[in-house]
C-alpha atoms as a PDB file:
ATOM      1  CA  HIS A   1     146.150  27.866 203.124  1.00  0.00           C
ATOM      2  CA  ASP A   2     144.517  30.756 200.870  1.00  0.00           C
ATOM      3  CA  MET A   3     145.451  28.727 197.478  1.00  0.00           C
ATOM      4  CA  ASP A   4     143.626  31.781 195.510  1.00  0.00           C
ATOM      5  CA  PHE A   5     145.788  34.316 197.063  1.00  0.00           C
ATOM      6  CA  ILE A   6     148.898  31.993 196.569  1.00  0.00           C
ATOM      7  CA  GLY A   7     148.230  31.554 192.923  1.00  0.00           C
ATOM      8  CA  ARG A   8     148.298  35.371 192.546  1.00  0.00           C
ATOM      9  CA  ILE A   9     151.372  36.069 193.993  1.00  0.00           C
ATOM     10  CA  CYS A  10     153.532  32.909 193.470  1.00  0.00           C
ATOM     11  CA  ASN A  11     154.764  31.756 189.934  1.00  0.00           C
ATOM     12  CA  PRO A  12     155.807  28.942 190.309  1.00  0.00           C
ATOM     13  CA  VAL A  13     154.087  27.678 193.295  1.00  0.00           C
ATOM     14  CA  ILE A  14     156.304  25.349 195.173  1.00  0.00           C
ATOM     15  CA  CYS A  15     154.542  22.816 197.550  1.00  0.00           C
ATOM     16  CA  MET A  16     156.571  21.208 200.210  1.00  0.00           C
ATOM     17  CA  ALA A  17     156.059  18.093 202.419  1.00  0.00           C
ATOM     18  CA  GLU A  18     158.297  16.914 205.625  1.00  0.00           C
ATOM     19  CA  GLY A  19     160.892  19.553 204.622  1.00  0.00           C
ATOM     20  CA  LYS A  20     161.196  18.856 200.789  1.00  0.00           C
ATOM     21  CA  VAL A  21     160.139  19.847 197.540  1.00  0.00           C
ATOM     22  CA  LEU A  22     156.980  17.849 196.763  1.00  0.00           C
ATOM     23  CA  ALA A  23     155.734  19.647 193.780  1.00  0.00           C
ATOM     24  CA  GLU A  24     156.523  23.045 191.641  1.00  0.00           C
ATOM     25  CA  GLY A  25     154.426  24.658 188.741  1.00  0.00           C
ATOM     26  CA  THR A  26     151.557  26.663 188.255  1.00  0.00           C
ATOM     27  CA  LEU A  27     148.641  26.714 190.645  1.00  0.00           C
ATOM     28  CA  ASP A  28     146.529  24.656 188.341  1.00  0.00           C
ATOM     29  CA  GLU A  29     149.522  21.946 188.033  1.00  0.00           C
ATOM     30  CA  ILE A  30     149.714  21.824 191.758  1.00  0.00           C
ATOM     31  CA  LYS A  31     146.201  21.334 192.416  1.00  0.00           C
ATOM     32  CA  ALA A  32     146.108  18.678 189.821  1.00  0.00           C
ATOM     33  CA  ASN A  33     149.369  16.872 191.168  1.00  0.00           C
ATOM     34  CA  GLU A  34     148.633  13.345 192.464  1.00  0.00           C
ATOM     35  CA  GLN A  35     151.414  13.616 194.977  1.00  0.00           C
ATOM     36  CA  VAL A  36     150.223  16.771 196.353  1.00  0.00           C
ATOM     37  CA  ILE A  37     146.445  15.632 196.461  1.00  0.00           C
ATOM     38  CA  GLU A  38     147.837  12.273 198.324  1.00  0.00           C
ATOM     39  CA  ALA A  39     149.768  14.098 200.693  1.00  0.00           C
ATOM     40  CA  TYR A  40     147.405  16.810 201.802  1.00  0.00           C
ATOM     41  CA  LEU A  41     144.100  15.277 200.916  1.00  0.00           C
ATOM     42  CA  GLY A  42     144.484  11.619 200.793  1.00  0.00           C
ATOM     43  CA  THR A  43     145.952   9.114 202.755  1.00  0.00           C
ATOM     44  CA  GLY A  44     149.459  10.636 202.550  1.00  0.00           C
ATOM     45  CA  LEU A  45     151.344  12.277 205.412  1.00  0.00           C
ATOM     46  CA  LYS A  46     148.587  12.905 207.755  1.00  0.00           C
ATOM     47  CA  ASN A  47     148.168   9.076 208.102  1.00  0.00           C
ATOM     48  CA  LYS A  48     151.823   8.164 207.821  1.00  0.00           C
ATOM     49  CA  VAL A  49     152.514   7.950 211.614  1.00  0.00           C
ATOM     50  CA  LYS A  50     149.279   5.605 212.100  1.00  0.00           C
ATOM     51  CA  ALA A  51     150.248   3.535 209.158  1.00  0.00           C
ATOM     52  CA  GLU A  52     153.798   2.959 210.443  1.00  0.00           C
ATOM     53  CA  VAL A  53     152.527   1.868 213.866  1.00  0.00           C
ATOM     54  CA  GLY A  54     149.715  -0.421 212.399  1.00  0.00           C
ATOM     55  CA  HIS A  55     146.819   1.915 213.671  1.00  0.00           C
ATOM     56  CA  VAL A  56     144.993   2.594 210.276  1.00  0.00           C
END
């Protein structure tokens, strides 16, 4: 996603994961949100299926 563009046109920014609101706030708040970081950059949602079947 083009987060700079999103930050210019959206206030608040709403981040969703698995069809649910994960976080809402300014772009800086979203970028610093631990849940967002975990879901999109860490071992969060992208590894969820692997963890559920024991392939991590």
